Amino acid sequence: MHGPTIARHIITATKEIAMTLLSVPDMSCGHCKASVEAALTPLAGMAPITVDLAQRQVSVAGPAAEAVKALAAIGFPATALS
């Protein structure tokens, strides 16, 4: 009986995570990607951070204002898209 209960909690927890899409126009290389991920990891916790270098966008869990502030602190101005 424990298996289905655990699965329901994971599904419920996943649905509750609000993702924020950010435009990060100055992000252009692998080093930039690593810096952005490192700055956002404390905000995202266990949620994934998705970086699209071609579009210069990042998807992260949590409030947009906190993510924008974290990126500005490392020299990457960002704008919330969602």
PDB file of N, CA and C in Angstrom:
ATOM      1  N   MET A   1       0.799  -1.202   0.000  1.00  0.00           N
ATOM      2  CA  MET A   1       0.000   0.000   0.000  1.00  0.00           C
ATOM      3  C   MET A   1       0.840   1.264   0.000  1.00  0.00           C
ATOM      4  N   HIS A   2       2.086   1.168   0.385  1.00  0.00           N
ATOM      5  CA  HIS A   2       2.897   2.374   0.471  1.00  0.00           C
ATOM      6  C   HIS A   2       3.248   2.940  -0.904  1.00  0.00           C
ATOM      7  N   GLY A   3       3.425   2.096  -1.908  1.00  0.00           N
ATOM      8  CA  GLY A   3       3.794   2.554  -3.252  1.00  0.00           C
ATOM      9  C   GLY A   3       2.825   3.558  -3.833  1.00  0.00           C
ATOM     10  N   PRO A   4       1.533   3.243  -3.929  1.00  0.00           N
ATOM     11  CA  PRO A   4       0.580   4.211  -4.508  1.00  0.00           C
ATOM     12  C   PRO A   4       0.494   5.509  -3.710  1.00  0.00           C
ATOM     13  N   THR A   5       0.608   5.415  -2.399  1.00  0.00           N
ATOM     14  CA  THR A   5       0.558   6.624  -1.571  1.00  0.00           C
ATOM     15  C   THR A   5       1.722   7.540  -1.903  1.00  0.00           C
ATOM     16  N   ILE A   6       2.904   6.976  -2.016  1.00  0.00           N
ATOM     17  CA  ILE A   6       4.088   7.771  -2.353  1.00  0.00           C
ATOM     18  C   ILE A   6       3.913   8.410  -3.727  1.00  0.00           C
ATOM     19  N   ALA A   7       3.424   7.645  -4.694  1.00  0.00           N
ATOM     20  CA  ALA A   7       3.234   8.175  -6.044  1.00  0.00           C
ATOM     21  C   ALA A   7       2.272   9.355  -6.052  1.00  0.00           C
ATOM     22  N   ARG A   8       1.195   9.273  -5.291  1.00  0.00           N
ATOM     23  CA  ARG A   8       0.235  10.382  -5.240  1.00  0.00           C
ATOM     24  C   ARG A   8       0.874  11.640  -4.666  1.00  0.00           C
ATOM     25  N   HIS A   9       1.729  11.480  -3.663  1.00  0.00           N
ATOM     26  CA  HIS A   9       2.386  12.641  -3.071  1.00  0.00           C
ATOM     27  C   HIS A   9       3.336  13.299  -4.061  1.00  0.00           C
ATOM     28  N   ILE A  10       4.040  12.512  -4.821  1.00  0.00           N
ATOM     29  CA  ILE A  10       4.961  13.063  -5.810  1.00  0.00           C
ATOM     30  C   ILE A  10       4.180  13.821  -6.879  1.00  0.00           C
ATOM     31  N   ILE A  11       3.102  13.235  -7.373  1.00  0.00           N
ATOM     32  CA  ILE A  11       2.290  13.894  -8.388  1.00  0.00           C
ATOM     33  C   ILE A  11       1.696  15.185  -7.831  1.00  0.00           C
ATOM     34  N   THR A  12       1.181  15.151  -6.619  1.00  0.00           N
ATOM     35  CA  THR A  12       0.615  16.336  -5.996  1.00  0.00           C
ATOM     36  C   THR A  12       1.684  17.413  -5.830  1.00  0.00           C
ATOM     37  N   ALA A  13       2.859  17.021  -5.366  1.00  0.00           N
ATOM     38  CA  ALA A  13       3.938  17.988  -5.159  1.00  0.00           C
ATOM     39  C   ALA A  13       4.364  18.600  -6.482  1.00  0.00           C
ATOM     40  N   THR A  14       4.435  17.823  -7.546  1.00  0.00           N
ATOM     41  CA  THR A  14       4.840  18.333  -8.849  1.00  0.00           C
ATOM     42  C   THR A  14       3.846  19.356  -9.368  1.00  0.00           C
ATOM     43  N   LYS A  15       2.569  19.126  -9.185  1.00  0.00           N
ATOM     44  CA  LYS A  15       1.552  20.057  -9.661  1.00  0.00           C
ATOM     45  C   LYS A  15       1.605  21.388  -8.920  1.00  0.00           C
ATOM     46  N   GLU A  16       2.111  21.398  -7.710  1.00  0.00           N
ATOM     47  CA  GLU A  16       2.133  22.607  -6.906  1.00  0.00           C
ATOM     48  C   GLU A  16       3.317  23.514  -7.218  1.00  0.00           C
ATOM     49  N   ILE A  17       4.278  23.041  -7.981  1.00  0.00           N
ATOM     50  CA  ILE A  17       5.457  23.836  -8.290  1.00  0.00           C
ATOM     51  C   ILE A  17       5.117  24.832  -9.399  1.00  0.00           C
ATOM     52  N   ALA A  18       5.246  26.111  -9.097  1.00  0.00           N
ATOM     53  CA  ALA A  18       5.011  27.161 -10.094  1.00  0.00           C
ATOM     54  C   ALA A  18       6.330  27.443 -10.808  1.00  0.00           C
ATOM     55  N   MET A  19       6.327  27.287 -12.105  1.00  0.00           N
ATOM     56  CA  MET A  19       7.536  27.530 -12.888  1.00  0.00           C
ATOM     57  C   MET A  19       7.506  28.949 -13.448  1.00  0.00           C
ATOM     58  N   THR A  20       8.677  29.557 -13.500  1.00  0.00           N
ATOM     59  CA  THR A  20       8.835  30.907 -14.024  1.00  0.00           C
ATOM     60  C   THR A  20       9.731  30.840 -15.251  1.00  0.00           C
ATOM     61  N   LEU A  21       9.322  31.470 -16.335  1.00  0.00           N
ATOM     62  CA  LEU A  21      10.129  31.543 -17.545  1.00  0.00           C
ATOM     63  C   LEU A  21      10.759  32.927 -17.612  1.00  0.00           C
ATOM     64  N   LEU A  22      12.074  32.940 -17.771  1.00  0.00           N
ATOM     65  CA  LEU A  22      12.817  34.195 -17.800  1.00  0.00           C
ATOM     66  C   LEU A  22      13.564  34.363 -19.110  1.00  0.00           C
ATOM     67  N   SER A  23      13.647  35.581 -19.577  1.00  0.00           N
ATOM     68  CA  SER A  23      14.515  35.936 -20.690  1.00  0.00           C
ATOM     69  C   SER A  23      15.823  36.444 -20.086  1.00  0.00           C
ATOM     70  N   VAL A  24      16.937  35.858 -20.516  1.00  0.00           N
ATOM     71  CA  VAL A  24      18.258  36.260 -20.009  1.00  0.00           C
ATOM     72  C   VAL A  24      19.114  36.569 -21.241  1.00  0.00           C
ATOM     73  N   PRO A  25      18.993  37.778 -21.793  1.00  0.00           N
ATOM     74  CA  PRO A  25      19.619  38.106 -23.077  1.00  0.00           C
ATOM     75  C   PRO A  25      21.144  38.047 -23.104  1.00  0.00           C
ATOM     76  N   ASP A  26      21.804  38.220 -21.976  1.00  0.00           N
ATOM     77  CA  ASP A  26      23.267  38.206 -21.957  1.00  0.00           C
ATOM     78  C   ASP A  26      23.858  36.811 -21.790  1.00  0.00           C
ATOM     79  N   MET A  27      23.047  35.791 -21.656  1.00  0.00           N
ATOM     80  CA  MET A  27      23.506  34.409 -21.492  1.00  0.00           C
ATOM     81  C   MET A  27      23.791  33.836 -22.880  1.00  0.00           C
ATOM     82  N   SER A  28      25.065  33.477 -23.131  1.00  0.00           N
ATOM     83  CA  SER A  28      25.406  33.065 -24.494  1.00  0.00           C
ATOM     84  C   SER A  28      26.312  31.848 -24.615  1.00  0.00           C
ATOM     85  N   CYS A  29      26.798  31.304 -23.502  1.00  0.00           N
ATOM     86  CA  CYS A  29      27.742  30.187 -23.613  1.00  0.00           C
ATOM     87  C   CYS A  29      27.566  29.213 -22.450  1.00  0.00           C
ATOM     88  N   GLY A  30      28.313  28.144 -22.489  1.00  0.00           N
ATOM     89  CA  GLY A  30      28.247  27.133 -21.439  1.00  0.00           C
ATOM     90  C   GLY A  30      28.634  27.675 -20.074  1.00  0.00           C
ATOM     91  N   HIS A  31      29.592  28.580 -20.032  1.00  0.00           N
ATOM     92  CA  HIS A  31      29.995  29.178 -18.756  1.00  0.00           C
ATOM     93  C   HIS A  31      28.856  30.022 -18.187  1.00  0.00           C
ATOM     94  N   CYS A  32      28.191  30.782 -19.053  1.00  0.00           N
ATOM     95  CA  CYS A  32      27.030  31.579 -18.629  1.00  0.00           C
ATOM     96  C   CYS A  32      25.955  30.661 -18.068  1.00  0.00           C
ATOM     97  N   LYS A  33      25.693  29.559 -18.769  1.00  0.00           N
ATOM     98  CA  LYS A  33      24.677  28.595 -18.349  1.00  0.00           C
ATOM     99  C   LYS A  33      24.990  28.064 -16.958  1.00  0.00           C
ATOM    100  N   ALA A  34      26.239  27.695 -16.733  1.00  0.00           N
ATOM    101  CA  ALA A  34      26.640  27.164 -15.423  1.00  0.00           C
ATOM    102  C   ALA A  34      26.484  28.218 -14.328  1.00  0.00           C
ATOM    103  N   SER A  35      26.826  29.462 -14.620  1.00  0.00           N
ATOM    104  CA  SER A  35      26.681  30.543 -13.638  1.00  0.00           C
ATOM    105  C   SER A  35      25.213  30.786 -13.297  1.00  0.00           C
ATOM    106  N   VAL A  36      24.363  30.784 -14.318  1.00  0.00           N
ATOM    107  CA  VAL A  36      22.928  30.995 -14.122  1.00  0.00           C
ATOM    108  C   VAL A  36      22.346  29.857 -13.288  1.00  0.00           C
ATOM    109  N   GLU A  37      22.697  28.621 -13.626  1.00  0.00           N
ATOM    110  CA  GLU A  37      22.199  27.471 -12.869  1.00  0.00           C
ATOM    111  C   GLU A  37      22.656  27.534 -11.414  1.00  0.00           C
ATOM    112  N   ALA A  38      23.914  27.907 -11.189  1.00  0.00           N
ATOM    113  CA  ALA A  38      24.425  27.999  -9.819  1.00  0.00           C
ATOM    114  C   ALA A  38      23.693  29.071  -9.018  1.00  0.00           C
ATOM    115  N   ALA A  39      23.372  30.187  -9.646  1.00  0.00           N
ATOM    116  CA  ALA A  39      22.671  31.268  -8.950  1.00  0.00           C
ATOM    117  C   ALA A  39      21.226  30.898  -8.630  1.00  0.00           C
ATOM    118  N   LEU A  40      20.602  30.088  -9.487  1.00  0.00           N
ATOM    119  CA  LEU A  40      19.192  29.755  -9.307  1.00  0.00           C
ATOM    120  C   LEU A  40      18.952  28.481  -8.500  1.00  0.00           C
ATOM    121  N   THR A  41      19.958  27.651  -8.342  1.00  0.00           N
ATOM    122  CA  THR A  41      19.794  26.384  -7.623  1.00  0.00           C
ATOM    123  C   THR A  41      19.249  26.571  -6.210  1.00  0.00           C
ATOM    124  N   PRO A  42      19.725  27.544  -5.428  1.00  0.00           N
ATOM    125  CA  PRO A  42      19.148  27.712  -4.089  1.00  0.00           C
ATOM    126  C   PRO A  42      17.653  28.057  -4.108  1.00  0.00           C
ATOM    127  N   LEU A  43      17.191  28.716  -5.148  1.00  0.00           N
ATOM    128  CA  LEU A  43      15.768  29.061  -5.256  1.00  0.00           C
ATOM    129  C   LEU A  43      14.935  27.862  -5.687  1.00  0.00           C
ATOM    130  N   ALA A  44      15.486  27.061  -6.580  1.00  0.00           N
ATOM    131  CA  ALA A  44      14.732  25.958  -7.164  1.00  0.00           C
ATOM    132  C   ALA A  44      14.665  24.737  -6.257  1.00  0.00           C
ATOM    133  N   GLY A  45      15.632  24.595  -5.370  1.00  0.00           N
ATOM    134  CA  GLY A  45      15.667  23.407  -4.521  1.00  0.00           C
ATOM    135  C   GLY A  45      15.829  22.168  -5.368  1.00  0.00           C
ATOM    136  N   MET A  46      14.900  21.230  -5.239  1.00  0.00           N
ATOM    137  CA  MET A  46      14.976  19.975  -5.983  1.00  0.00           C
ATOM    138  C   MET A  46      14.305  20.068  -7.363  1.00  0.00           C
ATOM    139  N   ALA A  47      13.650  21.173  -7.652  1.00  0.00           N
ATOM    140  CA  ALA A  47      12.982  21.329  -8.946  1.00  0.00           C
ATOM    141  C   ALA A  47      14.025  21.567 -10.037  1.00  0.00           C
ATOM    142  N   PRO A  48      13.741  21.116 -11.243  1.00  0.00           N
ATOM    143  CA  PRO A  48      14.706  21.294 -12.326  1.00  0.00           C
ATOM    144  C   PRO A  48      14.809  22.746 -12.786  1.00  0.00           C
ATOM    145  N   ILE A  49      15.993  23.079 -13.259  1.00  0.00           N
ATOM    146  CA  ILE A  49      16.241  24.364 -13.916  1.00  0.00           C
ATOM    147  C   ILE A  49      16.520  24.019 -15.373  1.00  0.00           C
ATOM    148  N   THR A  50      15.765  24.615 -16.281  1.00  0.00           N
ATOM    149  CA  THR A  50      15.961  24.337 -17.700  1.00  0.00           C
ATOM    150  C   THR A  50      16.510  25.582 -18.376  1.00  0.00           C
ATOM    151  N   VAL A  51      17.653  25.423 -19.033  1.00  0.00           N
ATOM    152  CA  VAL A  51      18.291  26.544 -19.714  1.00  0.00           C
ATOM    153  C   VAL A  51      18.267  26.284 -21.212  1.00  0.00           C
ATOM    154  N   ASP A  52      17.774  27.243 -21.971  1.00  0.00           N
ATOM    155  CA  ASP A  52      17.761  27.178 -23.434  1.00  0.00           C
ATOM    156  C   ASP A  52      18.679  28.298 -23.932  1.00  0.00           C
ATOM    157  N   LEU A  53      19.933  27.925 -24.257  1.00  0.00           N
ATOM    158  CA  LEU A  53      20.902  28.933 -24.698  1.00  0.00           C
ATOM    159  C   LEU A  53      20.493  29.580 -26.021  1.00  0.00           C
ATOM    160  N   ALA A  54      19.946  28.798 -26.936  1.00  0.00           N
ATOM    161  CA  ALA A  54      19.565  29.342 -28.241  1.00  0.00           C
ATOM    162  C   ALA A  54      18.511  30.439 -28.101  1.00  0.00           C
ATOM    163  N   GLN A  55      17.543  30.231 -27.217  1.00  0.00           N
ATOM    164  CA  GLN A  55      16.485  31.223 -26.991  1.00  0.00           C
ATOM    165  C   GLN A  55      16.853  32.222 -25.898  1.00  0.00           C
ATOM    166  N   ARG A  56      17.944  31.910 -25.181  1.00  0.00           N
ATOM    167  CA  ARG A  56      18.387  32.725 -24.042  1.00  0.00           C
ATOM    168  C   ARG A  56      17.281  32.849 -23.001  1.00  0.00           C
ATOM    169  N   GLN A  57      16.723  31.674 -22.653  1.00  0.00           N
ATOM    170  CA  GLN A  57      15.644  31.606 -21.679  1.00  0.00           C
ATOM    171  C   GLN A  57      15.957  30.565 -20.612  1.00  0.00           C
ATOM    172  N   VAL A  58      15.387  30.794 -19.436  1.00  0.00           N
ATOM    173  CA  VAL A  58      15.551  29.883 -18.309  1.00  0.00           C
ATOM    174  C   VAL A  58      14.184  29.638 -17.682  1.00  0.00           C
ATOM    175  N   SER A  59      13.913  28.390 -17.355  1.00  0.00           N
ATOM    176  CA  SER A  59      12.703  28.027 -16.631  1.00  0.00           C
ATOM    177  C   SER A  59      13.142  27.527 -15.254  1.00  0.00           C
ATOM    178  N   VAL A  60      12.564  28.099 -14.210  1.00  0.00           N
ATOM    179  CA  VAL A  60      12.960  27.757 -12.845  1.00  0.00           C
ATOM    180  C   VAL A  60      11.734  27.798 -11.936  1.00  0.00           C
ATOM    181  N   ALA A  61      11.762  26.985 -10.903  1.00  0.00           N
ATOM    182  CA  ALA A  61      10.676  27.000  -9.921  1.00  0.00           C
ATOM    183  C   ALA A  61      10.836  28.195  -9.002  1.00  0.00           C
ATOM    184  N   GLY A  62       9.718  28.794  -8.638  1.00  0.00           N
ATOM    185  CA  GLY A  62       9.757  29.880  -7.671  1.00  0.00           C
ATOM    186  C   GLY A  62       9.312  31.204  -8.245  1.00  0.00           C
ATOM    187  N   PRO A  63       9.246  32.194  -7.381  1.00  0.00           N
ATOM    188  CA  PRO A  63       8.783  33.524  -7.786  1.00  0.00           C
ATOM    189  C   PRO A  63       9.748  34.209  -8.755  1.00  0.00           C
ATOM    190  N   ALA A  64       9.201  34.862  -9.748  1.00  0.00           N
ATOM    191  CA  ALA A  64      10.004  35.551 -10.756  1.00  0.00           C
ATOM    192  C   ALA A  64      10.898  36.618 -10.133  1.00  0.00           C
ATOM    193  N   ALA A  65      10.376  37.381  -9.195  1.00  0.00           N
ATOM    194  CA  ALA A  65      11.152  38.480  -8.597  1.00  0.00           C
ATOM    195  C   ALA A  65      12.424  37.971  -7.938  1.00  0.00           C
ATOM    196  N   GLU A  66      12.339  36.836  -7.258  1.00  0.00           N
ATOM    197  CA  GLU A  66      13.531  36.278  -6.604  1.00  0.00           C
ATOM    198  C   GLU A  66      14.549  35.801  -7.627  1.00  0.00           C
ATOM    199  N   ALA A  67      14.090  35.177  -8.698  1.00  0.00           N
ATOM    200  CA  ALA A  67      14.988  34.692  -9.739  1.00  0.00           C
ATOM    201  C   ALA A  67      15.669  35.859 -10.451  1.00  0.00           C
ATOM    202  N   VAL A  68      14.896  36.895 -10.778  1.00  0.00           N
ATOM    203  CA  VAL A  68      15.456  38.082 -11.442  1.00  0.00           C
ATOM    204  C   VAL A  68      16.513  38.724 -10.544  1.00  0.00           C
ATOM    205  N   LYS A  69      16.251  38.822  -9.267  1.00  0.00           N
ATOM    206  CA  LYS A  69      17.199  39.415  -8.319  1.00  0.00           C
ATOM    207  C   LYS A  69      18.479  38.574  -8.233  1.00  0.00           C
ATOM    208  N   ALA A  70      18.336  37.250  -8.175  1.00  0.00           N
ATOM    209  CA  ALA A  70      19.502  36.363  -8.086  1.00  0.00           C
ATOM    210  C   ALA A  70      20.378  36.490  -9.335  1.00  0.00           C
ATOM    211  N   LEU A  71      19.754  36.588 -10.500  1.00  0.00           N
ATOM    212  CA  LEU A  71      20.529  36.711 -11.733  1.00  0.00           C
ATOM    213  C   LEU A  71      21.175  38.087 -11.858  1.00  0.00           C
ATOM    214  N   ALA A  72      20.478  39.131 -11.448  1.00  0.00           N
ATOM    215  CA  ALA A  72      21.060  40.480 -11.482  1.00  0.00           C
ATOM    216  C   ALA A  72      22.301  40.553 -10.593  1.00  0.00           C
ATOM    217  N   ALA A  73      22.269  39.829  -9.475  1.00  0.00           N
ATOM    218  CA  ALA A  73      23.399  39.843  -8.538  1.00  0.00           C
ATOM    219  C   ALA A  73      24.673  39.262  -9.149  1.00  0.00           C
ATOM    220  N   ILE A  74      24.533  38.409 -10.176  1.00  0.00           N
ATOM    221  CA  ILE A  74      25.720  37.847 -10.818  1.00  0.00           C
ATOM    222  C   ILE A  74      25.970  38.462 -12.203  1.00  0.00           C
ATOM    223  N   GLY A  75      25.271  39.550 -12.512  1.00  0.00           N
ATOM    224  CA  GLY A  75      25.520  40.279 -13.741  1.00  0.00           C
ATOM    225  C   GLY A  75      24.714  39.833 -14.949  1.00  0.00           C
ATOM    226  N   PHE A  76      23.615  39.139 -14.728  1.00  0.00           N
ATOM    227  CA  PHE A  76      22.753  38.706 -15.813  1.00  0.00           C
ATOM    228  C   PHE A  76      21.361  39.311 -15.642  1.00  0.00           C
ATOM    229  N   PRO A  77      21.110  40.482 -16.246  1.00  0.00           N
ATOM    230  CA  PRO A  77      19.773  41.051 -16.170  1.00  0.00           C
ATOM    231  C   PRO A  77      18.766  40.092 -16.808  1.00  0.00           C
ATOM    232  N   ALA A  78      17.616  39.943 -16.185  1.00  0.00           N
ATOM    233  CA  ALA A  78      16.600  39.022 -16.683  1.00  0.00           C
ATOM    234  C   ALA A  78      15.229  39.682 -16.600  1.00  0.00           C
ATOM    235  N   THR A  79      14.335  39.196 -17.447  1.00  0.00           N
ATOM    236  CA  THR A  79      12.957  39.665 -17.483  1.00  0.00           C
ATOM    237  C   THR A  79      12.038  38.464 -17.430  1.00  0.00           C
ATOM    238  N   ALA A  80      11.030  38.534 -16.583  1.00  0.00           N
ATOM    239  CA  ALA A  80      10.065  37.438 -16.485  1.00  0.00           C
ATOM    240  C   ALA A  80       9.171  37.444 -17.723  1.00  0.00           C
ATOM    241  N   LEU A  81       9.008  36.257 -18.314  1.00  0.00           N
ATOM    242  CA  LEU A  81       8.119  36.089 -19.465  1.00  0.00           C
ATOM    243  C   LEU A  81       6.812  35.448 -19.059  1.00  0.00           C
ATOM    244  N   SER A  82       6.813  34.786 -17.907  1.00  0.00           N
ATOM    245  CA  SER A  82       5.581  34.157 -17.409  1.00  0.00           C
ATOM    246  C   SER A  82       5.573  34.156 -15.900  1.00  0.00           C
TER     247      SER A  82
END
